[in-house]
C-alpha cells in the first residue's frame, strides 16, 4: 500500500521527514528549521549524505550514530539527557541503555522526545531494552515513533512491537535494519512489518507530516533510504 503522506504539503505546521539510512533522519519544518538524528559514517554502508541542520541529536557515541562532522551549517549538537530548547524546538532526552544489562555491554543510550510542527516525535536511538514504567510514561502518546527493529544491537522485531503497543503512536517508522546498503548482522525489516495490519510502503519519500494528516489508526510506514 502506498502512503498518502508522500503528497507534498506546505505550511508552518508541516514537517518534511526523510530517512537517510540506519537511524539518521532529516526533519524540516515549513519555516526552514532542520533537525538531524544520529548521523552515521561510511563504515555503515549507506552513502554519507551531504546535509545541513540547525540541530543534531546523538543518541550515543558509536561510529554509526555520531558522525556530527558530516553535518553542515554549524548545528547545535545535543548528546546529553535533559531538556533543551533550540530555535523554538523543545527537546527532551531520557537516559536508557544500549543493551538489556543496564549498559554493561554497550553503554548508555539517549531516547529523545521533541516537538516540531505541533507534533511529538520520539527517536529511541539504539535502545537495547524495553522501557521501564518511568521511561514509558515519558514517551507514551507521541505522535510519531522512530524505532529500531533489527535486533542484535538493539531491540528486535518482537520487542519493537511491544514498544509500539506500549507508546501507542499514530505513526511508526522503522529504522536500523539490514538491507542492500547495510550488511550489519541484524534482521531485515520484514519480520517487524508482518506484526502489523496497517503497513504502507512509501518508497524514498519524503513524508510530509502534519497533525491533521496523521492517520487516525496507528500505521507503520516503511521508507527506503534516500541518501546518495
Protein backbone atom coordinates (compact mmCIF):
# COMPACT_ATOMS: atom_id res chain seq x y z
CA UNK A 1 0.00 0.00 0.00
CA UNK A 2 1.35 3.44 -0.96
CA UNK A 3 1.21 6.29 1.52
CA UNK A 4 -0.83 9.47 1.29
CA UNK A 5 1.85 11.07 3.45
CA UNK A 6 4.20 11.36 0.45
CA UNK A 7 1.97 14.01 -1.15
CA UNK A 8 3.76 17.38 -0.82
CA UNK A 9 2.21 19.82 1.64
CA UNK A 10 3.26 23.30 2.68
CA UNK A 11 2.80 25.39 5.80
CA UNK A 12 4.39 26.13 9.16
CA UNK A 13 2.76 23.04 10.68
CA UNK A 14 4.20 20.67 8.09
CA UNK A 15 7.30 18.59 8.86
CA UNK A 16 9.13 17.05 5.92
CA UNK A 17 10.73 13.80 7.09
CA UNK A 18 13.43 11.97 5.12
CA UNK A 19 15.09 8.70 6.15
CA UNK A 20 18.77 8.91 5.22
CA UNK A 21 19.53 5.37 6.37
CA UNK A 22 20.21 3.48 9.61
CA UNK A 23 18.99 5.73 12.47
CA UNK A 24 19.54 9.00 10.59
CA UNK A 25 16.58 11.19 9.72
CA UNK A 26 16.29 14.74 8.45
CA UNK A 27 13.24 16.64 9.69
CA UNK A 28 12.46 20.04 8.20
CA UNK A 29 9.76 22.39 9.46
CA UNK A 30 7.90 24.54 6.95
CA UNK A 31 9.66 27.68 8.20
CA UNK A 32 13.09 26.24 7.40
CA UNK A 33 14.37 24.82 10.70
CA UNK A 34 16.19 21.50 10.25
CA UNK A 35 16.98 18.68 12.68
CA UNK A 36 19.10 15.57 12.05
CA UNK A 37 19.23 12.43 14.18
CA UNK A 38 22.16 10.02 14.66
CA UNK A 39 24.40 10.75 11.64
CA UNK A 40 26.39 7.70 10.50
CA UNK A 41 29.78 7.39 8.83
CA UNK A 42 30.80 5.48 5.72
CA UNK A 43 31.54 2.25 7.61
CA UNK A 44 27.80 1.58 7.90
CA UNK A 45 27.42 1.07 4.15
CA UNK A 46 24.99 3.83 3.21
CA UNK A 47 26.27 6.78 1.19
CA UNK A 48 27.04 9.55 3.69
CA UNK A 49 24.58 12.33 2.81
CA UNK A 50 25.53 15.98 2.48
CA UNK A 51 23.01 17.81 4.65
CA UNK A 52 22.91 20.91 6.81
CA UNK A 53 20.96 21.32 10.02
CA UNK A 54 20.29 23.63 12.95
CA UNK A 55 20.17 20.75 15.45
CA UNK A 56 21.82 17.32 15.60
CA UNK A 57 20.67 14.72 18.11
CA UNK A 58 23.15 11.97 19.02
CA UNK A 59 21.76 9.02 20.96
CA UNK A 60 25.16 7.52 21.80
CA UNK A 61 28.81 7.82 20.91
CA UNK A 62 29.26 5.00 18.36
CA UNK A 63 30.53 5.47 14.79
CA UNK A 64 27.20 4.60 13.21
CA UNK A 65 25.38 7.33 15.16
CA UNK A 66 27.82 10.16 15.97
CA UNK A 67 29.29 11.45 12.69
CA UNK A 68 28.50 15.05 13.60
CA UNK A 69 31.33 16.45 11.48
CA UNK A 70 29.45 15.44 8.33
CA UNK A 71 26.60 17.87 9.08
CA UNK A 72 26.97 21.34 7.63
CA UNK A 73 25.62 24.62 8.97
CA UNK A 74 27.25 24.83 12.43
CA UNK A 75 24.42 22.96 14.17
CA UNK A 76 23.74 22.77 17.89
CA UNK A 77 24.74 19.24 18.89
CA UNK A 78 22.79 17.55 21.68
CA UNK A 79 24.20 14.35 23.13
CA UNK A 80 23.23 14.50 26.81
CA UNK A 81 19.96 13.78 28.60
CA UNK A 82 17.87 16.69 29.86
CA UNK A 83 15.59 19.36 28.39
CA UNK A 84 16.79 21.88 25.81
CA UNK A 85 15.10 24.40 23.55
CA UNK A 86 16.78 25.31 20.27
CA UNK A 87 15.15 27.67 17.78
CA UNK A 88 11.78 27.07 19.43
CA UNK A 89 12.09 23.28 19.24
CA UNK A 90 11.78 21.68 22.68
CA UNK A 91 13.90 18.55 23.04
CA UNK A 92 13.88 16.17 26.00
CA UNK A 93 16.47 13.43 26.31
CA UNK A 94 15.99 10.44 28.59
CA UNK A 95 18.77 8.14 29.68
CA UNK A 96 18.38 4.48 28.71
CA UNK A 97 20.72 1.61 27.79
CA UNK A 98 22.18 0.17 24.60
CA UNK A 99 21.70 -3.36 25.92
CA UNK A 100 19.40 -5.32 28.25
CA UNK A 101 22.03 -5.43 31.01
CA UNK A 102 21.94 -1.85 32.23
CA UNK A 103 24.51 -0.63 29.73
CA UNK A 104 27.24 -3.00 30.91
CA UNK A 105 27.71 -4.40 27.38
CA UNK A 106 27.33 -1.37 25.09
CA UNK A 107 26.90 1.65 27.33
CA UNK A 108 24.22 4.33 27.63
CA UNK A 109 21.67 5.43 25.05
CA UNK A 110 19.51 8.55 24.94
CA UNK A 111 15.87 8.43 23.91
CA UNK A 112 14.74 11.78 22.53
CA UNK A 113 11.27 13.28 22.51
CA UNK A 114 10.93 16.54 20.61
CA UNK A 115 8.17 18.74 19.24
CA UNK A 116 8.06 20.02 15.66
CA UNK A 117 5.06 21.30 13.74
CA UNK A 118 2.87 20.74 16.80
CA UNK A 119 3.66 17.00 16.75
CA UNK A 120 5.63 14.95 19.26
CA UNK A 121 8.36 12.75 17.79
CA UNK A 122 10.25 10.03 19.67
CA UNK A 123 13.57 8.71 18.39
CA UNK A 124 14.78 5.88 20.61
CA UNK A 125 18.31 5.58 19.18
CA UNK A 126 19.87 2.17 19.81
CA UNK A 127 17.52 1.24 22.60
CA UNK A 128 18.51 -2.23 23.80
CA UNK A 129 15.67 -2.99 26.21
CA UNK A 130 12.01 -2.35 26.78
CA UNK A 131 11.44 0.84 28.81
CA UNK A 132 10.63 0.65 32.50
CA UNK A 133 7.46 2.36 33.67
CA UNK A 134 9.16 5.69 34.26
CA UNK A 135 10.61 5.95 30.75
CA UNK A 136 7.45 4.56 29.17
CA UNK A 137 5.38 7.32 30.76
CA UNK A 138 7.75 9.98 29.43
CA UNK A 139 7.50 8.84 25.82
CA UNK A 140 3.95 7.45 25.66
CA UNK A 141 1.40 9.20 23.49
CA UNK A 142 3.92 10.54 20.99
CA UNK A 143 2.56 11.12 17.50
CA UNK A 144 5.49 9.63 15.58
CA UNK A 145 7.83 6.85 16.76
CA UNK A 146 11.18 6.19 15.06
CA UNK A 147 12.15 2.70 16.21
CA UNK A 148 14.97 0.19 15.56
CA UNK A 149 13.75 -3.26 14.59
CA UNK A 150 16.83 -5.26 13.58
CA UNK A 151 17.83 -6.76 16.91
CA UNK A 152 21.34 -7.89 17.94
CA UNK A 153 22.50 -4.38 18.87
CA UNK A 154 19.01 -3.03 19.64
CA UNK A 155 15.55 -4.32 20.43
CA UNK A 156 14.32 -6.79 17.82
CA UNK A 157 11.06 -7.02 15.89
CA UNK A 158 9.15 -8.61 18.78
CA UNK A 159 10.35 -6.09 21.35
CA UNK A 160 9.79 -3.24 18.90
CA UNK A 161 6.19 -4.38 18.52
CA UNK A 162 5.82 -4.37 22.30
CA UNK A 163 7.24 -0.85 22.41
CA UNK A 164 4.77 0.32 19.78
CA UNK A 165 1.84 -1.17 21.69
CA UNK A 166 3.15 0.49 24.84
CA UNK A 167 3.59 4.00 23.41
CA UNK A 168 0.57 3.98 21.07
CA UNK A 169 1.82 6.46 18.44
CA UNK A 170 -0.22 7.34 15.38
CA UNK A 171 2.71 6.74 13.04
CA UNK A 172 5.59 4.25 13.31
CA UNK A 173 8.70 4.45 11.13
CA UNK A 174 11.14 1.50 11.41
CA UNK A 175 14.90 2.04 11.24
CA UNK A 176 18.20 0.26 11.96
CA UNK A 177 17.65 -2.92 9.93
CA UNK A 178 19.63 -4.85 7.34
CA UNK A 179 19.13 -4.05 3.65
CA UNK A 180 21.10 -3.74 0.42
CA UNK A 181 23.21 -0.90 1.82
CA UNK A 182 23.73 -2.06 5.39
CA UNK A 183 25.12 -5.55 5.89
CA UNK A 184 25.23 -5.44 9.68
CA UNK A 185 24.37 -8.83 11.27
CA UNK A 186 20.83 -7.74 12.09
CA UNK A 187 17.38 -8.65 10.79
CA UNK A 188 15.65 -7.13 7.81
CA UNK A 189 12.53 -5.05 8.36
CA UNK A 190 10.10 -7.73 7.16
CA UNK A 191 9.65 -9.65 10.45
CA UNK A 192 8.60 -6.37 12.08
CA UNK A 193 6.20 -5.41 9.29
CA UNK A 194 4.49 -8.79 9.48
CA UNK A 195 3.35 -7.99 13.01
CA UNK A 196 1.04 -5.19 11.89
CA UNK A 197 -2.11 -4.95 9.80
CA UNK A 198 -1.68 -1.37 8.62
CA UNK A 199 1.59 -1.05 6.69
CA UNK A 200 2.32 1.49 3.98
CA UNK A 201 5.39 1.38 1.74
CA UNK A 202 6.37 4.93 0.87
CA UNK A 203 9.49 4.39 -1.23
CA UNK A 204 12.18 7.02 -0.75
CA UNK A 205 9.59 9.52 0.40
CA UNK A 206 9.96 12.04 1.88
CA UNK A 207 6.91 12.15 4.13
CA UNK A 208 5.01 15.39 4.64
CA UNK A 209 3.60 15.24 8.14
CA UNK A 210 1.08 17.47 9.87
CA UNK A 211 -1.16 16.84 12.83
CA UNK A 212 -4.30 16.75 10.68
CA UNK A 213 -2.67 14.47 8.08
CA UNK A 214 -1.55 11.79 10.53
CA UNK A 215 -3.58 8.57 10.36
CA UNK A 216 -6.32 8.10 12.95
CA UNK A 217 -5.39 4.43 13.30
CA UNK A 218 -1.82 3.52 14.17
CA UNK A 219 0.07 2.90 10.93
CA UNK A 220 3.56 1.66 10.11
CA UNK A 221 5.22 3.46 7.19
CA UNK A 222 8.30 1.90 5.61
CA UNK A 223 10.75 4.25 3.89
CA UNK A 224 13.59 3.40 1.55
CA UNK A 225 16.80 5.23 2.40
CA UNK A 226 17.20 8.47 0.47
CA UNK A 227 20.93 9.17 0.92
CA UNK A 228 23.20 9.41 -2.07
